[in-house]
C-alpha atoms as a PDB file:
ATOM      1  CA  MET A   1       3.636   4.591  12.294  1.00  0.00           C
ATOM      2  CA  GLU A   2       5.217   5.624   9.023  1.00  0.00           C
ATOM      3  CA  PHE A   3       4.724   3.284   6.070  1.00  0.00           C
ATOM      4  CA  LYS A   4       7.837   3.941   3.979  1.00  0.00           C
ATOM      5  CA  ARG A   5       6.993   1.018   1.731  1.00  0.00           C
ATOM      6  CA  LEU A   6       3.820   2.754   0.567  1.00  0.00           C
ATOM      7  CA  LYS A   7       5.941   5.502  -0.929  1.00  0.00           C
ATOM      8  CA  ASP A   8       8.516   3.045  -2.290  1.00  0.00           C
ATOM      9  CA  LEU A   9       5.850   0.903  -3.975  1.00  0.00           C
ATOM     10  CA  ARG A  10       4.114   3.959  -5.414  1.00  0.00           C
ATOM     11  CA  GLU A  11       7.376   5.315  -6.844  1.00  0.00           C
ATOM     12  CA  ASP A  12       8.429   1.878  -8.145  1.00  0.00           C
ATOM     13  CA  HIS A  13       5.167   1.835 -10.122  1.00  0.00           C
ATOM     14  CA  ASP A  14       5.748   5.387 -11.404  1.00  0.00           C
ATOM     15  CA  MET A  15       2.625   6.693  -9.728  1.00  0.00           C
ATOM     16  CA  TYR A  16       1.787   9.987  -8.069  1.00  0.00           C
ATOM     17  CA  GLN A  17      -0.004  10.266  -4.745  1.00  0.00           C
ATOM     18  CA  LYS A  18      -2.986  11.702  -6.583  1.00  0.00           C
ATOM     19  CA  GLU A  19      -3.296   8.542  -8.708  1.00  0.00           C
ATOM     20  CA  VAL A  20      -3.138   6.205  -5.717  1.00  0.00           C
ATOM     21  CA  ALA A  21      -5.621   8.391  -3.856  1.00  0.00           C
ATOM     22  CA  LYS A  22      -8.022   8.109  -6.802  1.00  0.00           C
ATOM     23  CA  LEU A  23      -7.651   4.311  -6.740  1.00  0.00           C
ATOM     24  CA  LEU A  24      -8.650   4.379  -3.059  1.00  0.00           C
ATOM     25  CA  GLY A  25     -11.395   6.965  -3.500  1.00  0.00           C
ATOM     26  CA  ILE A  26      -9.781   9.518  -1.193  1.00  0.00           C
ATOM     27  CA  SER A  27      -8.019  12.866  -1.552  1.00  0.00           C
ATOM     28  CA  GLN A  28      -4.299  13.211  -2.267  1.00  0.00           C
ATOM     29  CA  GLN A  29      -3.840  14.952   1.102  1.00  0.00           C
ATOM     30  CA  TYR A  30      -5.542  12.092   2.917  1.00  0.00           C
ATOM     31  CA  TYR A  31      -3.318   9.554   1.139  1.00  0.00           C
ATOM     32  CA  SER A  32      -0.229  11.628   1.926  1.00  0.00           C
ATOM     33  CA  GLU A  33      -1.076  11.267   5.597  1.00  0.00           C
ATOM     34  CA  TYR A  34      -1.012   7.474   5.189  1.00  0.00           C
ATOM     35  CA  GLU A  35       2.539   7.614   3.808  1.00  0.00           C
ATOM     36  CA  LYS A  36       3.661   9.943   6.598  1.00  0.00           C
ATOM     37  CA  GLY A  37       2.058   7.817   9.305  1.00  0.00           C
ATOM     38  CA  LYS A  38      -0.254  10.620  10.412  1.00  0.00           C
ATOM     39  CA  ARG A  39      -3.367   8.576   9.673  1.00  0.00           C
ATOM     40  CA  THR A  40      -4.212   4.907  10.200  1.00  0.00           C
ATOM     41  CA  ILE A  41      -4.800   2.961   6.999  1.00  0.00           C
ATOM     42  CA  PRO A  42      -8.056   0.986   6.909  1.00  0.00           C
ATOM     43  CA  VAL A  43      -7.709  -2.711   6.132  1.00  0.00           C
ATOM     44  CA  GLN A  44      -9.814  -2.277   2.990  1.00  0.00           C
ATOM     45  CA  HIS A  45      -7.271   0.229   1.638  1.00  0.00           C
ATOM     46  CA  LEU A  46      -4.387  -2.100   2.516  1.00  0.00           C
ATOM     47  CA  MET A  47      -6.143  -4.888   0.629  1.00  0.00           C
ATOM     48  CA  THR A  48      -6.669  -2.667  -2.418  1.00  0.00           C
ATOM     49  CA  LEU A  49      -3.029  -1.553  -2.410  1.00  0.00           C
ATOM     50  CA  ALA A  50      -1.693  -5.091  -1.935  1.00  0.00           C
ATOM     51  CA  LYS A  51      -3.731  -6.300  -4.923  1.00  0.00           C
ATOM     52  CA  HIS A  52      -2.742  -3.300  -7.032  1.00  0.00           C
ATOM     53  CA  TYR A  53       0.975  -3.678  -6.297  1.00  0.00           C
ATOM     54  CA  ASN A  54       0.837  -7.502  -6.410  1.00  0.00           C
ATOM     55  CA  THR A  55       2.287  -7.882  -2.938  1.00  0.00           C
ATOM     56  CA  SER A  56       1.042  -8.700   0.554  1.00  0.00           C
ATOM     57  CA  ILE A  57      -0.284  -6.546   3.341  1.00  0.00           C
ATOM     58  CA  ASP A  58       2.518  -8.028   5.468  1.00  0.00           C
ATOM     59  CA  TYR A  59       5.069  -6.543   3.075  1.00  0.00           C
ATOM     60  CA  ILE A  60       3.382  -3.124   3.053  1.00  0.00           C
ATOM     61  CA  VAL A  61       3.340  -2.891   6.859  1.00  0.00           C
ATOM     62  CA  GLY A  62       6.857  -4.306   7.273  1.00  0.00           C
ATOM     63  CA  LEU A  63       6.117  -7.743   8.729  1.00  0.00           C
ATOM     64  CA  THR A  64       8.046  -9.435   5.917  1.00  0.00           C
ATOM     65  CA  ASP A  65      10.735  -8.419   3.483  1.00  0.00           C
ATOM     66  CA  GLU A  66       9.404 -10.745   0.780  1.00  0.00           C
ATOM     67  CA  ILE A  67       7.774  -8.463  -1.785  1.00  0.00           C
ATOM     68  CA  ASN A  68       6.159 -11.235  -3.848  1.00  0.00           C
ATOM     69  CA  PRO A  69       4.754 -13.839  -1.457  1.00  0.00           C
ATOM     70  CA  LYS A  70       4.266 -17.382  -2.609  1.00  0.00           C
ATOM     71  CA  LYS A  71       0.652 -18.098  -3.414  1.00  0.00           C
ATOM     72  CA  LYS A  72      -0.869 -20.959  -1.472  1.00  0.00           C
ATOM     73  CA  LYS A  73      -2.924 -23.505  -3.320  1.00  0.00           C
ATOM     74  CA  VAL A  74      -6.507 -23.686  -2.173  1.00  0.00           C
ATOM     75  CA  LYS A  75      -7.913 -27.199  -1.793  1.00  0.00           C
END
């Protein structure tokens, strides 16, 4: 499965693959395979990216089109 939004988010934040790879602690080639859908993205990496880009995992994987989800209040 190709994650086009990974590339879109990265470019919207003026970042290179190498920079995102460093954030995740992986090589640029490895990260490139995430964007191309050649490698499955671990949940931990999705969580890191969602926090970094201030969005949700659902947005990254295409389950929602809402880029900035509403934050729920914790009781």
